[in-house]
Amino acid sequence: MQIVIDVAMEYQLSRPETVLLTLEAAPLDRQAVQHQQLDITDATLQRLSARNGHGPRIWAHLPTDRLVLRYQAQVALHRADSPLDALQASTLQALPADVLTYLRPSRFCPSDLFENFATEHFGDLQGGAKIAAIRDWVAATIAYVPGSSNARTCAHETFNMRQGVCRDFAHLVCTLARASQIPARYTAGYSPQVTPPDFHAVAEVWLDDAWHVVDPTGMSSTATLAVIGSGRDACDVAFMETQGPAYPISHSVRVL
């Protein structure tokens, strides 16, 4: 599958500063970045090498208090969707060292608070069947409501409010999977099916010795998601980090 990405952003900053960006598609197995170009007006760019499932991170040194950015890319995806029900979970002792991290609670995924809930609701299921049940429960229980959460909202708050956006859906799936002793990570990416178009967040779970996309919003899948990066939660893959406030003037993400 071929997808075309076009991102245009303009932000007002509180002062000239250095901004950290994570928005380029990652060069991964079965994900080939065929072309990409990042232009930031008047900025000096410093790239950090891709690592641990991340695409490159970019320091943008801005001489003024305005960020004006355009990112365009063409990405070829060579991944197929696998039915979750057929996938098996690994024993804890068989997990690779870098996967163990994604069993633990994190800032936005307090999985230790959900162990009893996970056992009560999903304890009779195994592996992919358990993850499919978690996905379906989140999809049926949490309403997708733009503007209902903010950058500080964690999975526990989403669980109580029963509403959120893709970021919150992904955090809650990660939380319930980890509470069920299945590694799960938060992944940011681009997909042509996302409505309204924007950066998109999903969960990925470790089953059958590989990562598989789980999207309870139904707007992306393993076959259609161009991955930017993955981490414990949204803290690890925010598309933009600034030292002071940043106010959007315009923000457009188009994926075809």
Protein backbone atom coordinates (compact mmCIF):
# COMPACT_ATOMS: atom_id res chain seq x y z
CA MET A 1 0.00 0.00 0.00
CA GLN A 2 1.27 3.46 -0.90
CA ILE A 3 0.31 6.51 1.14
CA VAL A 4 1.09 10.18 0.66
CA ILE A 5 1.52 12.45 3.70
CA ASP A 6 1.24 16.24 3.70
CA VAL A 7 1.58 18.13 7.00
CA ALA A 8 1.42 21.93 7.25
CA MET A 9 1.62 23.67 10.63
CA GLU A 10 2.04 27.19 11.92
CA TYR A 11 2.41 27.84 15.66
CA GLN A 12 2.95 30.99 17.70
CA LEU A 13 5.54 30.42 20.42
CA SER A 14 6.09 32.47 23.52
CA ARG A 15 9.67 33.25 22.49
CA PRO A 16 12.38 32.06 20.08
CA GLU A 17 13.41 28.59 21.17
CA THR A 18 14.46 25.10 20.14
CA VAL A 19 11.55 22.76 19.38
CA LEU A 20 11.75 18.96 19.39
CA LEU A 21 9.73 17.33 16.59
CA THR A 22 8.74 13.70 16.07
CA LEU A 23 6.69 13.62 12.89
CA GLU A 24 8.69 11.90 10.16
CA ALA A 25 7.66 8.39 9.09
CA ALA A 26 10.11 5.84 10.49
CA PRO A 27 12.33 3.65 8.28
CA LEU A 28 11.18 0.22 9.46
CA ASP A 29 10.93 -3.33 8.20
CA ARG A 30 7.99 -3.51 5.76
CA GLN A 31 7.71 0.29 5.82
CA ALA A 32 9.78 2.03 3.16
CA VAL A 33 10.03 5.81 3.15
CA GLN A 34 10.40 6.43 -0.58
CA HIS A 35 10.53 10.21 -0.41
CA GLN A 36 10.25 12.84 2.29
CA GLN A 37 11.00 16.52 2.74
CA LEU A 38 10.79 18.68 5.84
CA ASP A 39 10.91 22.47 5.52
CA ILE A 40 10.83 24.80 8.52
CA THR A 41 11.10 28.52 7.82
CA ASP A 42 14.42 30.04 9.02
CA ALA A 43 15.17 27.04 11.26
CA THR A 44 18.46 25.26 11.80
CA LEU A 45 17.82 21.53 12.07
CA GLN A 46 19.67 18.92 14.11
CA ARG A 47 18.64 15.30 13.58
CA LEU A 48 18.82 12.54 16.17
CA SER A 49 19.25 8.99 14.91
CA ALA A 50 16.22 6.71 14.80
CA ARG A 51 16.22 4.11 17.56
CA ASN A 52 13.94 1.78 19.55
CA GLY A 53 11.04 1.97 17.14
CA HIS A 54 11.21 5.73 16.61
CA GLY A 55 11.62 7.66 13.43
CA PRO A 56 14.23 10.41 13.49
CA ARG A 57 13.70 13.20 16.01
CA ILE A 58 14.56 16.71 14.95
CA TRP A 59 15.71 19.70 16.98
CA ALA A 60 14.52 22.86 15.20
CA HIS A 61 16.42 25.95 16.37
CA LEU A 62 14.11 28.91 15.68
CA PRO A 63 15.41 32.51 15.58
CA THR A 64 11.88 33.91 15.97
CA ASP A 65 8.75 33.09 17.95
CA ARG A 66 6.94 31.55 14.96
CA LEU A 67 7.10 27.91 13.77
CA VAL A 68 6.11 27.46 10.11
CA LEU A 69 6.49 23.85 8.96
CA ARG A 70 5.74 21.66 5.93
CA TYR A 71 6.38 17.91 5.85
CA GLN A 72 5.67 15.78 2.78
CA ALA A 73 6.37 12.09 2.31
CA GLN A 74 5.53 9.03 0.28
CA VAL A 75 5.59 5.74 2.17
CA ALA A 76 5.17 2.15 0.94
CA LEU A 77 3.64 -0.25 3.47
CA HIS A 78 4.20 -4.00 3.11
CA ARG A 79 2.34 -5.29 6.17
CA ALA A 80 -0.72 -7.52 6.33
CA ASP A 81 -3.39 -7.59 9.00
CA SER A 82 -3.53 -10.74 11.12
CA PRO A 83 -6.72 -11.80 12.92
CA LEU A 84 -6.03 -11.22 16.60
CA ASP A 85 -7.90 -14.31 17.75
CA ALA A 86 -5.31 -16.58 16.10
CA LEU A 87 -2.29 -14.99 17.80
CA GLN A 88 -0.61 -16.42 20.89
CA ALA A 89 0.87 -14.62 23.88
CA SER A 90 4.46 -15.29 24.94
CA THR A 91 5.42 -16.47 28.39
CA LEU A 92 7.06 -13.75 30.46
CA GLN A 93 10.38 -15.62 30.40
CA ALA A 94 10.36 -15.66 26.58
CA LEU A 95 9.92 -11.90 26.14
CA PRO A 96 12.86 -9.98 24.62
CA ALA A 97 14.50 -7.55 27.03
CA ASP A 98 13.32 -4.47 25.11
CA VAL A 99 9.71 -5.73 25.19
CA LEU A 100 9.60 -6.17 28.98
CA THR A 101 9.40 -2.38 29.39
CA TYR A 102 5.92 -2.44 27.89
CA LEU A 103 4.53 -4.62 30.68
CA ARG A 104 5.05 -1.90 33.28
CA PRO A 105 2.82 1.01 34.32
CA SER A 106 3.68 4.44 32.91
CA ARG A 107 2.57 8.06 33.37
CA PHE A 108 -0.55 7.76 31.19
CA CYS A 109 -1.07 3.99 31.49
CA PRO A 110 -1.43 3.12 35.21
CA SER A 111 -1.94 -0.58 34.54
CA ASP A 112 -1.34 -1.55 38.18
CA LEU A 113 -4.72 0.03 39.01
CA PHE A 114 -6.57 -2.22 36.56
CA GLU A 115 -5.37 -5.72 37.39
CA ASN A 116 -8.57 -6.73 39.19
CA PHE A 117 -10.75 -5.25 36.45
CA ALA A 118 -8.77 -7.05 33.74
CA THR A 119 -9.01 -10.37 35.55
CA GLU A 120 -12.74 -9.98 36.14
CA HIS A 121 -13.61 -8.98 32.57
CA PHE A 122 -10.99 -10.73 30.42
CA GLY A 123 -9.40 -13.35 32.68
CA ASP A 124 -11.05 -16.32 30.97
CA LEU A 125 -9.44 -15.47 27.62
CA GLN A 126 -5.92 -15.95 26.30
CA GLY A 127 -3.54 -14.19 23.91
CA GLY A 128 -5.06 -12.50 20.91
CA ALA A 129 -8.59 -13.40 21.93
CA LYS A 130 -8.06 -11.42 25.14
CA ILE A 131 -6.72 -8.42 23.22
CA ALA A 132 -9.65 -8.56 20.79
CA ALA A 133 -12.04 -8.52 23.75
CA ILE A 134 -10.20 -5.52 25.27
CA ARG A 135 -10.34 -3.68 21.93
CA ASP A 136 -14.05 -4.38 21.55
CA TRP A 137 -14.80 -3.34 25.14
CA VAL A 138 -13.00 -0.01 24.69
CA ALA A 139 -14.73 0.59 21.34
CA ALA A 140 -18.16 -0.13 22.83
CA THR A 141 -17.67 1.69 26.13
CA ILE A 142 -15.65 4.83 25.35
CA ALA A 143 -17.27 7.53 23.19
CA TYR A 144 -15.05 9.30 20.66
CA VAL A 145 -15.55 12.97 21.58
CA PRO A 146 -13.11 15.55 20.14
CA GLY A 147 -11.99 18.05 22.78
CA SER A 148 -13.04 15.83 25.70
CA SER A 149 -9.48 15.35 27.00
CA ASN A 150 -6.18 17.19 27.12
CA ALA A 151 -2.44 16.51 27.23
CA ARG A 152 -2.65 15.53 30.92
CA THR A 153 -5.50 13.00 30.64
CA CYS A 154 -4.49 9.46 31.67
CA ALA A 155 -6.20 6.12 31.08
CA HIS A 156 -7.76 6.09 34.54
CA GLU A 157 -9.53 9.38 33.79
CA THR A 158 -10.64 8.12 30.37
CA PHE A 159 -12.04 4.99 32.03
CA ASN A 160 -14.06 7.12 34.46
CA MET A 161 -15.20 9.75 31.94
CA ARG A 162 -16.12 7.14 29.29
CA GLN A 163 -14.98 9.46 26.49
CA GLY A 164 -11.83 10.59 24.74
CA VAL A 165 -9.95 10.75 21.44
CA CYS A 166 -7.53 8.35 19.73
CA ARG A 167 -4.76 9.15 22.24
CA ASP A 168 -7.03 8.14 25.12
CA PHE A 169 -8.32 5.01 23.38
CA ALA A 170 -4.72 3.88 22.79
CA HIS A 171 -3.71 4.58 26.40
CA LEU A 172 -6.64 2.56 27.74
CA VAL A 173 -5.93 -0.45 25.49
CA CYS A 174 -2.26 -0.35 26.55
CA THR A 175 -3.30 -0.14 30.20
CA LEU A 176 -5.69 -3.10 30.05
CA ALA A 177 -3.27 -5.22 28.01
CA ARG A 178 -0.43 -4.60 30.47
CA ALA A 179 -2.77 -5.34 33.38
CA SER A 180 -3.39 -8.67 31.61
CA GLN A 181 0.37 -9.39 31.36
CA ILE A 182 0.55 -8.76 27.60
CA PRO A 183 3.13 -6.15 26.49
CA ALA A 184 1.59 -3.09 24.84
CA ARG A 185 3.06 0.13 23.53
CA TYR A 186 1.66 3.45 22.36
CA THR A 187 2.31 4.16 18.67
CA ALA A 188 1.89 7.35 16.66
CA GLY A 189 1.44 7.35 12.91
CA TYR A 190 -0.43 8.38 9.79
CA SER A 191 -3.40 6.60 8.20
CA PRO A 192 -5.64 7.62 5.29
CA GLN A 193 -8.76 6.48 7.16
CA VAL A 194 -8.44 8.88 10.11
CA THR A 195 -11.36 11.29 10.50
CA PRO A 196 -10.83 14.16 11.07
CA PRO A 197 -7.36 13.89 9.46
CA ASP A 198 -4.57 14.34 12.00
CA PHE A 199 -1.69 12.55 13.69
CA HIS A 200 -3.13 9.25 14.91
CA ALA A 201 -2.50 7.11 18.00
CA VAL A 202 -2.98 3.36 18.35
CA ALA A 203 -1.84 0.58 20.63
CA GLU A 204 0.49 -2.19 19.54
CA VAL A 205 0.60 -5.51 21.38
CA TRP A 206 3.28 -8.21 21.44
CA LEU A 207 1.79 -11.49 20.21
CA ASP A 208 3.42 -14.35 18.26
CA ASP A 209 6.81 -12.63 18.66
CA ALA A 210 5.79 -9.49 16.78
CA TRP A 211 4.01 -6.17 17.30
CA HIS A 212 0.42 -5.90 16.03
CA VAL A 213 -1.66 -2.72 15.69
CA VAL A 214 -4.81 -2.56 17.83
CA ASP A 215 -7.04 0.43 17.06
CA PRO A 216 -10.36 0.52 18.94
CA THR A 217 -11.38 3.61 16.95
CA GLY A 218 -11.42 1.41 13.83
CA MET A 219 -9.64 4.11 11.81
CA SER A 220 -6.38 2.26 11.09
CA SER A 221 -4.80 -1.19 11.03
CA THR A 222 -1.44 -2.92 10.74
CA ALA A 223 -1.71 -2.71 6.93
CA THR A 224 -2.66 0.98 6.73
CA LEU A 225 -0.63 2.73 9.45
CA ALA A 226 2.61 4.53 8.58
CA VAL A 227 4.42 4.50 11.91
CA ILE A 228 6.17 7.59 13.25
CA GLY A 229 7.32 6.06 16.52
CA SER A 230 6.41 4.03 19.59
CA GLY A 231 6.91 4.33 23.31
CA ARG A 232 5.48 3.71 26.76
CA ASP A 233 2.78 6.34 26.20
CA ALA A 234 2.24 9.75 24.59
CA CYS A 235 5.15 11.22 26.58
CA ASP A 236 7.57 9.30 24.35
CA VAL A 237 6.20 10.24 20.93
CA ALA A 238 4.67 13.72 21.13
CA PHE A 239 4.80 15.27 17.65
CA MET A 240 6.09 18.58 19.09
CA GLU A 241 7.71 19.51 22.39
CA THR A 242 8.36 23.12 23.39
CA GLN A 243 9.72 24.72 26.53
CA GLY A 244 7.00 27.37 26.63
CA PRO A 245 3.40 27.61 25.39
CA ALA A 246 2.68 27.01 21.69
CA TYR A 247 -0.54 28.34 20.14
CA PRO A 248 -1.81 26.86 16.85
CA ILE A 249 -2.42 29.32 14.02
CA SER A 250 -3.03 26.59 11.46
CA HIS A 251 -2.64 22.81 11.64
CA SER A 252 -3.30 20.47 8.71
CA VAL A 253 -2.54 16.75 8.26
CA ARG A 254 -3.56 15.14 4.97
CA VAL A 255 -2.99 11.44 4.26
CA LEU A 256 -3.99 9.88 0.94
